[in-house]
Amino acid sequence: MYLARPGSAAERPVRRLAGFAAVRAEPGRRAAARIEVAPRALAHWPVEERRWPAERGVFTVLVGPSCGEVPMAAAVEVVRAPAPDPGAAAR
């Protein structure tokens, strides 16, 4: 699963890996996977702030077998920043 943030105020890659799961399905069958996105996946590191602020706004969630093949997409709006990760500064 990849996240994209079109129109971001921060410099970000076009899409970045936000999580993954491995599933197997026989041809013609379906498989389900649950992928949780860590709050830090919505954040960026502005050097002058020395912290991981999350950016509010619309993110695009892209799902597929690779970054070049993402047949599923959905928009998700971040309306408030997730709680800060107290250990993030130490990483």
PDB file of N, CA and C in Angstrom:
ATOM      1  N   MET A   1       0.842  -1.148   0.000  1.00  0.00           N
ATOM      2  CA  MET A   1       0.000   0.000   0.000  1.00  0.00           C
ATOM      3  C   MET A   1       0.896   1.223   0.000  1.00  0.00           C
ATOM      4  N   TYR A   2       0.527   2.165  -0.805  1.00  0.00           N
ATOM      5  CA  TYR A   2       1.301   3.388  -0.962  1.00  0.00           C
ATOM      6  C   TYR A   2       0.436   4.586  -0.608  1.00  0.00           C
ATOM      7  N   LEU A   3       1.073   5.655  -0.155  1.00  0.00           N
ATOM      8  CA  LEU A   3       0.392   6.912   0.100  1.00  0.00           C
ATOM      9  C   LEU A   3       0.948   7.972  -0.829  1.00  0.00           C
ATOM     10  N   ALA A   4       0.069   8.810  -1.328  1.00  0.00           N
ATOM     11  CA  ALA A   4       0.456   9.964  -2.130  1.00  0.00           C
ATOM     12  C   ALA A   4      -0.210  11.187  -1.511  1.00  0.00           C
ATOM     13  N   ARG A   5       0.428  12.321  -1.607  1.00  0.00           N
ATOM     14  CA  ARG A   5      -0.148  13.554  -1.068  1.00  0.00           C
ATOM     15  C   ARG A   5       0.002  14.651  -2.113  1.00  0.00           C
ATOM     16  N   PRO A   6      -0.915  14.626  -3.120  1.00  0.00           N
ATOM     17  CA  PRO A   6      -0.855  15.674  -4.142  1.00  0.00           C
ATOM     18  C   PRO A   6      -1.029  17.061  -3.520  1.00  0.00           C
ATOM     19  N   GLY A   7      -0.243  18.008  -3.948  1.00  0.00           N
ATOM     20  CA  GLY A   7      -0.356  19.375  -3.443  1.00  0.00           C
ATOM     21  C   GLY A   7       0.185  19.570  -2.046  1.00  0.00           C
ATOM     22  N   SER A   8       1.052  18.685  -1.597  1.00  0.00           N
ATOM     23  CA  SER A   8       1.615  18.771  -0.251  1.00  0.00           C
ATOM     24  C   SER A   8       2.443  20.037  -0.084  1.00  0.00           C
ATOM     25  N   ALA A   9       2.384  20.611   1.105  1.00  0.00           N
ATOM     26  CA  ALA A   9       3.243  21.753   1.426  1.00  0.00           C
ATOM     27  C   ALA A   9       4.676  21.294   1.672  1.00  0.00           C
ATOM     28  N   ALA A  10       4.842  20.009   1.990  1.00  0.00           N
ATOM     29  CA  ALA A  10       6.165  19.445   2.249  1.00  0.00           C
ATOM     30  C   ALA A  10       6.684  18.756   0.992  1.00  0.00           C
ATOM     31  N   GLU A  11       7.999  18.694   0.870  1.00  0.00           N
ATOM     32  CA  GLU A  11       8.594  17.953  -0.248  1.00  0.00           C
ATOM     33  C   GLU A  11       8.439  16.465   0.047  1.00  0.00           C
ATOM     34  N   ARG A  12       7.724  15.753  -0.823  1.00  0.00           N
ATOM     35  CA  ARG A  12       7.444  14.331  -0.639  1.00  0.00           C
ATOM     36  C   ARG A  12       7.652  13.601  -1.959  1.00  0.00           C
ATOM     37  N   PRO A  13       7.911  12.298  -1.889  1.00  0.00           N
ATOM     38  CA  PRO A  13       7.939  11.526  -3.133  1.00  0.00           C
ATOM     39  C   PRO A  13       6.521  11.447  -3.719  1.00  0.00           C
ATOM     40  N   VAL A  14       6.413  11.116  -4.976  1.00  0.00           N
ATOM     41  CA  VAL A  14       5.107  10.997  -5.623  1.00  0.00           C
ATOM     42  C   VAL A  14       4.239   9.990  -4.868  1.00  0.00           C
ATOM     43  N   ARG A  15       4.829   8.876  -4.489  1.00  0.00           N
ATOM     44  CA  ARG A  15       4.149   7.888  -3.633  1.00  0.00           C
ATOM     45  C   ARG A  15       5.212   7.201  -2.808  1.00  0.00           C
ATOM     46  N   ARG A  16       4.805   6.772  -1.611  1.00  0.00           N
ATOM     47  CA  ARG A  16       5.763   6.050  -0.781  1.00  0.00           C
ATOM     48  C   ARG A  16       5.077   4.881  -0.085  1.00  0.00           C
ATOM     49  N   LEU A  17       5.854   3.860   0.170  1.00  0.00           N
ATOM     50  CA  LEU A  17       5.336   2.656   0.809  1.00  0.00           C
ATOM     51  C   LEU A  17       4.878   2.998   2.217  1.00  0.00           C
ATOM     52  N   ALA A  18       3.624   2.654   2.546  1.00  0.00           N
ATOM     53  CA  ALA A  18       3.070   2.948   3.869  1.00  0.00           C
ATOM     54  C   ALA A  18       2.775   1.677   4.653  1.00  0.00           C
ATOM     55  N   GLY A  19       2.797   0.534   3.999  1.00  0.00           N
ATOM     56  CA  GLY A  19       2.535  -0.732   4.665  1.00  0.00           C
ATOM     57  C   GLY A  19       2.390  -1.831   3.631  1.00  0.00           C
ATOM     58  N   PHE A  20       2.430  -3.077   4.106  1.00  0.00           N
ATOM     59  CA  PHE A  20       2.275  -4.186   3.166  1.00  0.00           C
ATOM     60  C   PHE A  20       1.749  -5.406   3.881  1.00  0.00           C
ATOM     61  N   ALA A  21       1.211  -6.317   3.107  1.00  0.00           N
ATOM     62  CA  ALA A  21       0.756  -7.620   3.587  1.00  0.00           C
ATOM     63  C   ALA A  21       0.905  -8.591   2.426  1.00  0.00           C
ATOM     64  N   ALA A  22       1.190  -9.822   2.735  1.00  0.00           N
ATOM     65  CA  ALA A  22       1.291 -10.857   1.710  1.00  0.00           C
ATOM     66  C   ALA A  22       0.053 -11.749   1.806  1.00  0.00           C
ATOM     67  N   VAL A  23      -0.613 -11.944   0.700  1.00  0.00           N
ATOM     68  CA  VAL A  23      -1.782 -12.827   0.655  1.00  0.00           C
ATOM     69  C   VAL A  23      -1.667 -13.711  -0.575  1.00  0.00           C
ATOM     70  N   ARG A  24      -2.314 -14.870  -0.518  1.00  0.00           N
ATOM     71  CA  ARG A  24      -2.360 -15.778  -1.667  1.00  0.00           C
ATOM     72  C   ARG A  24      -3.815 -16.007  -2.028  1.00  0.00           C
ATOM     73  N   ALA A  25      -4.060 -16.063  -3.307  1.00  0.00           N
ATOM     74  CA  ALA A  25      -5.406 -16.354  -3.785  1.00  0.00           C
ATOM     75  C   ALA A  25      -5.293 -17.174  -5.063  1.00  0.00           C
ATOM     76  N   GLU A  26      -6.066 -18.190  -5.148  1.00  0.00           N
ATOM     77  CA  GLU A  26      -6.118 -18.987  -6.368  1.00  0.00           C
ATOM     78  C   GLU A  26      -6.756 -18.138  -7.469  1.00  0.00           C
ATOM     79  N   PRO A  27      -6.464 -18.434  -8.722  1.00  0.00           N
ATOM     80  CA  PRO A  27      -7.074 -17.678  -9.816  1.00  0.00           C
ATOM     81  C   PRO A  27      -8.593 -17.643  -9.684  1.00  0.00           C
ATOM     82  N   GLY A  28      -9.157 -16.448  -9.819  1.00  0.00           N
ATOM     83  CA  GLY A  28     -10.600 -16.276  -9.733  1.00  0.00           C
ATOM     84  C   GLY A  28     -11.122 -16.161  -8.309  1.00  0.00           C
ATOM     85  N   ARG A  29     -10.270 -16.287  -7.309  1.00  0.00           N
ATOM     86  CA  ARG A  29     -10.683 -16.214  -5.904  1.00  0.00           C
ATOM     87  C   ARG A  29     -10.252 -14.866  -5.315  1.00  0.00           C
ATOM     88  N   ARG A  30     -10.862 -14.519  -4.214  1.00  0.00           N
ATOM     89  CA  ARG A  30     -10.523 -13.269  -3.531  1.00  0.00           C
ATOM     90  C   ARG A  30      -9.735 -13.563  -2.260  1.00  0.00           C
ATOM     91  N   ALA A  31      -8.984 -12.586  -1.834  1.00  0.00           N
ATOM     92  CA  ALA A  31      -8.261 -12.668  -0.566  1.00  0.00           C
ATOM     93  C   ALA A  31      -8.368 -11.305   0.101  1.00  0.00           C
ATOM     94  N   ALA A  32      -8.396 -11.291   1.404  1.00  0.00           N
ATOM     95  CA  ALA A  32      -8.470 -10.037   2.149  1.00  0.00           C
ATOM     96  C   ALA A  32      -7.192  -9.839   2.947  1.00  0.00           C
ATOM     97  N   ALA A  33      -6.822  -8.592   3.118  1.00  0.00           N
ATOM     98  CA  ALA A  33      -5.654  -8.244   3.916  1.00  0.00           C
ATOM     99  C   ALA A  33      -5.982  -6.989   4.694  1.00  0.00           C
ATOM    100  N   ARG A  34      -5.433  -6.902   5.888  1.00  0.00           N
ATOM    101  CA  ARG A  34      -5.595  -5.692   6.704  1.00  0.00           C
ATOM    102  C   ARG A  34      -4.223  -5.053   6.840  1.00  0.00           C
ATOM    103  N   ILE A  35      -4.154  -3.790   6.494  1.00  0.00           N
ATOM    104  CA  ILE A  35      -2.902  -3.052   6.587  1.00  0.00           C
ATOM    105  C   ILE A  35      -3.178  -1.790   7.396  1.00  0.00           C
ATOM    106  N   GLU A  36      -2.505  -1.650   8.510  1.00  0.00           N
ATOM    107  CA  GLU A  36      -2.666  -0.460   9.334  1.00  0.00           C
ATOM    108  C   GLU A  36      -1.587   0.557   8.975  1.00  0.00           C
ATOM    109  N   VAL A  37      -2.000   1.790   8.874  1.00  0.00           N
ATOM    110  CA  VAL A  37      -1.072   2.863   8.554  1.00  0.00           C
ATOM    111  C   VAL A  37      -0.660   3.547   9.853  1.00  0.00           C
ATOM    112  N   ALA A  38       0.623   3.545  10.125  1.00  0.00           N
ATOM    113  CA  ALA A  38       1.142   4.209  11.319  1.00  0.00           C
ATOM    114  C   ALA A  38       0.985   5.722  11.168  1.00  0.00           C
ATOM    115  N   PRO A  39       0.674   6.426  12.243  1.00  0.00           N
ATOM    116  CA  PRO A  39       0.535   7.883  12.158  1.00  0.00           C
ATOM    117  C   PRO A  39       1.757   8.566  11.537  1.00  0.00           C
ATOM    118  N   ARG A  40       2.929   8.015  11.776  1.00  0.00           N
ATOM    119  CA  ARG A  40       4.146   8.632  11.225  1.00  0.00           C
ATOM    120  C   ARG A  40       4.184   8.578   9.690  1.00  0.00           C
ATOM    121  N   ALA A  41       3.438   7.661   9.082  1.00  0.00           N
ATOM    122  CA  ALA A  41       3.394   7.592   7.621  1.00  0.00           C
ATOM    123  C   ALA A  41       2.731   8.837   7.027  1.00  0.00           C
ATOM    124  N   LEU A  42       1.978   9.565   7.833  1.00  0.00           N
ATOM    125  CA  LEU A  42       1.311  10.793   7.384  1.00  0.00           C
ATOM    126  C   LEU A  42       2.150  12.036   7.672  1.00  0.00           C
ATOM    127  N   ALA A  43       3.298  11.838   8.290  1.00  0.00           N
ATOM    128  CA  ALA A  43       4.127  12.960   8.741  1.00  0.00           C
ATOM    129  C   ALA A  43       5.330  13.167   7.830  1.00  0.00           C
ATOM    130  N   HIS A  44       6.004  14.260   8.064  1.00  0.00           N
ATOM    131  CA  HIS A  44       7.253  14.558   7.365  1.00  0.00           C
ATOM    132  C   HIS A  44       8.209  15.179   8.377  1.00  0.00           C
ATOM    133  N   TRP A  45       9.476  15.307   8.014  1.00  0.00           N
ATOM    134  CA  TRP A  45      10.505  15.805   8.932  1.00  0.00           C
ATOM    135  C   TRP A  45      11.066  17.130   8.422  1.00  0.00           C
ATOM    136  N   PRO A  46      10.497  18.258   8.871  1.00  0.00           N
ATOM    137  CA  PRO A  46      11.126  19.537   8.534  1.00  0.00           C
ATOM    138  C   PRO A  46      12.316  19.756   9.472  1.00  0.00           C
ATOM    139  N   VAL A  47      13.492  19.855   8.927  1.00  0.00           N
ATOM    140  CA  VAL A  47      14.725  19.919   9.719  1.00  0.00           C
ATOM    141  C   VAL A  47      14.666  21.039  10.752  1.00  0.00           C
ATOM    142  N   GLU A  48      14.149  22.201  10.350  1.00  0.00           N
ATOM    143  CA  GLU A  48      14.129  23.336  11.273  1.00  0.00           C
ATOM    144  C   GLU A  48      13.183  23.116  12.469  1.00  0.00           C
ATOM    145  N   GLU A  49      12.171  22.264  12.326  1.00  0.00           N
ATOM    146  CA  GLU A  49      11.240  21.995  13.435  1.00  0.00           C
ATOM    147  C   GLU A  49      11.700  20.840  14.322  1.00  0.00           C
ATOM    148  N   ARG A  50      12.530  19.959  13.782  1.00  0.00           N
ATOM    149  CA  ARG A  50      13.049  18.793  14.509  1.00  0.00           C
ATOM    150  C   ARG A  50      11.943  17.963  15.164  1.00  0.00           C
ATOM    151  N   ARG A  51      10.886  17.710  14.402  1.00  0.00           N
ATOM    152  CA  ARG A  51       9.776  16.870  14.855  1.00  0.00           C
ATOM    153  C   ARG A  51       9.053  16.319  13.631  1.00  0.00           C
ATOM    154  N   TRP A  52       8.106  15.416  13.843  1.00  0.00           N
ATOM    155  CA  TRP A  52       7.361  14.763  12.765  1.00  0.00           C
ATOM    156  C   TRP A  52       5.917  15.263  12.724  1.00  0.00           C
ATOM    157  N   PRO A  53       5.632  16.448  12.186  1.00  0.00           N
ATOM    158  CA  PRO A  53       4.238  16.886  12.122  1.00  0.00           C
ATOM    159  C   PRO A  53       3.490  16.166  10.996  1.00  0.00           C
ATOM    160  N   ALA A  54       2.235  15.856  11.256  1.00  0.00           N
ATOM    161  CA  ALA A  54       1.376  15.275  10.219  1.00  0.00           C
ATOM    162  C   ALA A  54       0.712  16.422   9.464  1.00  0.00           C
ATOM    163  N   GLU A  55       0.557  16.243   8.195  1.00  0.00           N
ATOM    164  CA  GLU A  55      -0.061  17.269   7.370  1.00  0.00           C
ATOM    165  C   GLU A  55      -1.538  16.949   7.185  1.00  0.00           C
ATOM    166  N   ARG A  56      -2.391  17.907   7.493  1.00  0.00           N
ATOM    167  CA  ARG A  56      -3.818  17.727   7.264  1.00  0.00           C
ATOM    168  C   ARG A  56      -4.096  17.840   5.779  1.00  0.00           C
ATOM    169  N   GLY A  57      -5.159  17.197   5.343  1.00  0.00           N
ATOM    170  CA  GLY A  57      -5.549  17.275   3.940  1.00  0.00           C
ATOM    171  C   GLY A  57      -5.839  15.901   3.366  1.00  0.00           C
ATOM    172  N   VAL A  58      -5.965  15.846   2.054  1.00  0.00           N
ATOM    173  CA  VAL A  58      -6.341  14.610   1.377  1.00  0.00           C
ATOM    174  C   VAL A  58      -5.101  13.840   0.935  1.00  0.00           C
ATOM    175  N   PHE A  59      -5.033  12.587   1.353  1.00  0.00           N
ATOM    176  CA  PHE A  59      -4.004  11.648   0.912  1.00  0.00           C
ATOM    177  C   PHE A  59      -4.681  10.651  -0.019  1.00  0.00           C
ATOM    178  N   THR A  60      -3.953  10.150  -0.975  1.00  0.00           N
ATOM    179  CA  THR A  60      -4.453   9.085  -1.835  1.00  0.00           C
ATOM    180  C   THR A  60      -3.820   7.779  -1.389  1.00  0.00           C
ATOM    181  N   VAL A  61      -4.654   6.782  -1.105  1.00  0.00           N
ATOM    182  CA  VAL A  61      -4.193   5.445  -0.742  1.00  0.00           C
ATOM    183  C   VAL A  61      -4.214   4.615  -2.016  1.00  0.00           C
ATOM    184  N   LEU A  62      -3.082   4.026  -2.368  1.00  0.00           N
ATOM    185  CA  LEU A  62      -2.936   3.230  -3.586  1.00  0.00           C
ATOM    186  C   LEU A  62      -2.570   1.804  -3.195  1.00  0.00           C
ATOM    187  N   VAL A  63      -3.273   0.837  -3.754  1.00  0.00           N
ATOM    188  CA  VAL A  63      -3.039  -0.563  -3.396  1.00  0.00           C
ATOM    189  C   VAL A  63      -2.804  -1.375  -4.656  1.00  0.00           C
ATOM    190  N   GLY A  64      -1.772  -2.208  -4.617  1.00  0.00           N
ATOM    191  CA  GLY A  64      -1.464  -3.079  -5.740  1.00  0.00           C
ATOM    192  C   GLY A  64      -0.210  -3.877  -5.462  1.00  0.00           C
ATOM    193  N   PRO A  65       0.170  -4.706  -6.401  1.00  0.00           N
ATOM    194  CA  PRO A  65       1.331  -5.572  -6.195  1.00  0.00           C
ATOM    195  C   PRO A  65       2.676  -4.851  -6.256  1.00  0.00           C
ATOM    196  N   SER A  66       2.715  -3.643  -6.838  1.00  0.00           N
ATOM    197  CA  SER A  66       3.956  -2.872  -6.907  1.00  0.00           C
ATOM    198  C   SER A  66       3.603  -1.404  -7.106  1.00  0.00           C
ATOM    199  N   CYS A  67       4.588  -0.528  -6.935  1.00  0.00           N
ATOM    200  CA  CYS A  67       4.307   0.901  -7.094  1.00  0.00           C
ATOM    201  C   CYS A  67       3.952   1.251  -8.537  1.00  0.00           C
ATOM    202  N   GLY A  68       4.340   0.405  -9.461  1.00  0.00           N
ATOM    203  CA  GLY A  68       4.005   0.638 -10.863  1.00  0.00           C
ATOM    204  C   GLY A  68       2.670   0.047 -11.272  1.00  0.00           C
ATOM    205  N   GLU A  69       2.067  -0.729 -10.400  1.00  0.00           N
ATOM    206  CA  GLU A  69       0.779  -1.360 -10.693  1.00  0.00           C
ATOM    207  C   GLU A  69      -0.118  -1.224  -9.463  1.00  0.00           C
ATOM    208  N   VAL A  70      -0.926  -0.172  -9.450  1.00  0.00           N
ATOM    209  CA  VAL A  70      -1.810   0.104  -8.308  1.00  0.00           C
ATOM    210  C   VAL A  70      -3.252   0.236  -8.806  1.00  0.00           C
ATOM    211  N   PRO A  71      -3.934  -0.906  -8.999  1.00  0.00           N
ATOM    212  CA  PRO A  71      -5.279  -0.866  -9.579  1.00  0.00           C
ATOM    213  C   PRO A  71      -6.359  -0.334  -8.639  1.00  0.00           C
ATOM    214  N   MET A  72      -6.067  -0.204  -7.359  1.00  0.00           N
ATOM    215  CA  MET A  72      -7.066   0.303  -6.407  1.00  0.00           C
ATOM    216  C   MET A  72      -6.570   1.590  -5.779  1.00  0.00           C
ATOM    217  N   ALA A  73      -7.464   2.570  -5.684  1.00  0.00           N
ATOM    218  CA  ALA A  73      -7.112   3.847  -5.072  1.00  0.00           C
ATOM    219  C   ALA A  73      -8.326   4.412  -4.352  1.00  0.00           C
ATOM    220  N   ALA A  74      -8.061   5.130  -3.278  1.00  0.00           N
ATOM    221  CA  ALA A  74      -9.123   5.806  -2.530  1.00  0.00           C
ATOM    222  C   ALA A  74      -8.534   7.063  -1.904  1.00  0.00           C
ATOM    223  N   ALA A  75      -9.370   8.072  -1.723  1.00  0.00           N
ATOM    224  CA  ALA A  75      -8.953   9.302  -1.062  1.00  0.00           C
ATOM    225  C   ALA A  75      -9.324   9.217   0.411  1.00  0.00           C
ATOM    226  N   VAL A  76      -8.391   9.666   1.268  1.00  0.00           N
ATOM    227  CA  VAL A  76      -8.604   9.698   2.705  1.00  0.00           C
ATOM    228  C   VAL A  76      -8.216  11.091   3.180  1.00  0.00           C
ATOM    229  N   GLU A  77      -9.097  11.711   3.956  1.00  0.00           N
ATOM    230  CA  GLU A  77      -8.801  13.054   4.450  1.00  0.00           C
ATOM    231  C   GLU A  77      -8.353  13.008   5.904  1.00  0.00           C
ATOM    232  N   VAL A  78      -7.217  13.611   6.172  1.00  0.00           N
ATOM    233  CA  VAL A  78      -6.715  13.746   7.534  1.00  0.00           C
ATOM    234  C   VAL A  78      -7.229  15.100   8.029  1.00  0.00           C
ATOM    235  N   VAL A  79      -8.141  15.070   9.004  1.00  0.00           N
ATOM    236  CA  VAL A  79      -8.748  16.309   9.482  1.00  0.00           C
ATOM    237  C   VAL A  79      -8.092  16.836  10.748  1.00  0.00           C
ATOM    238  N   ARG A  80      -7.382  15.959  11.464  1.00  0.00           N
ATOM    239  CA  ARG A  80      -6.591  16.412  12.609  1.00  0.00           C
ATOM    240  C   ARG A  80      -5.345  15.550  12.674  1.00  0.00           C
ATOM    241  N   ALA A  81      -4.306  16.141  13.177  1.00  0.00           N
ATOM    242  CA  ALA A  81      -3.036  15.421  13.248  1.00  0.00           C
ATOM    243  C   ALA A  81      -3.124  14.305  14.270  1.00  0.00           C
ATOM    244  N   PRO A  82      -2.556  13.122  13.959  1.00  0.00           N
ATOM    245  CA  PRO A  82      -2.504  12.046  14.931  1.00  0.00           C
ATOM    246  C   PRO A  82      -1.659  12.443  16.130  1.00  0.00           C
ATOM    247  N   ALA A  83      -1.879  11.778  17.256  1.00  0.00           N
ATOM    248  CA  ALA A  83      -1.083  12.045  18.459  1.00  0.00           C
ATOM    249  C   ALA A  83       0.381  11.799  18.151  1.00  0.00           C
ATOM    250  N   PRO A  84       1.271  12.623  18.667  1.00  0.00           N
ATOM    251  CA  PRO A  84       2.696  12.433  18.389  1.00  0.00           C
ATOM    252  C   PRO A  84       3.218  11.134  18.990  1.00  0.00           C
ATOM    253  N   ASP A  85       4.197  10.570  18.316  1.00  0.00           N
ATOM    254  CA  ASP A  85       4.851   9.356  18.789  1.00  0.00           C
ATOM    255  C   ASP A  85       6.011   9.791  19.668  1.00  0.00           C
ATOM    256  N   PRO A  86       5.947   9.552  20.994  1.00  0.00           N
ATOM    257  CA  PRO A  86       7.007  10.038  21.881  1.00  0.00           C
ATOM    258  C   PRO A  86       8.377   9.465  21.565  1.00  0.00           C
ATOM    259  N   GLY A  87       8.449   8.312  20.940  1.00  0.00           N
ATOM    260  CA  GLY A  87       9.731   7.708  20.603  1.00  0.00           C
ATOM    261  C   GLY A  87      10.259   8.113  19.251  1.00  0.00           C
ATOM    262  N   ALA A  88       9.491   8.891  18.495  1.00  0.00           N
ATOM    263  CA  ALA A  88       9.884   9.220  17.127  1.00  0.00           C
ATOM    264  C   ALA A  88      11.181  10.016  17.075  1.00  0.00           C
ATOM    265  N   ALA A  89      11.383  10.926  18.004  1.00  0.00           N
ATOM    266  CA  ALA A  89      12.592  11.749  17.987  1.00  0.00           C
ATOM    267  C   ALA A  89      13.847  10.925  18.242  1.00  0.00           C
ATOM    268  N   ALA A  90      13.707   9.811  18.932  1.00  0.00           N
ATOM    269  CA  ALA A  90      14.861   8.972  19.254  1.00  0.00           C
ATOM    270  C   ALA A  90      15.226   8.039  18.121  1.00  0.00           C
ATOM    271  N   ARG A  91      14.383   7.908  17.113  1.00  0.00           N
ATOM    272  CA  ARG A  91      14.659   6.975  16.007  1.00  0.00           C
ATOM    273  C   ARG A  91      15.545   7.568  14.963  1.00  0.00           C
TER     274      ARG A  91
END
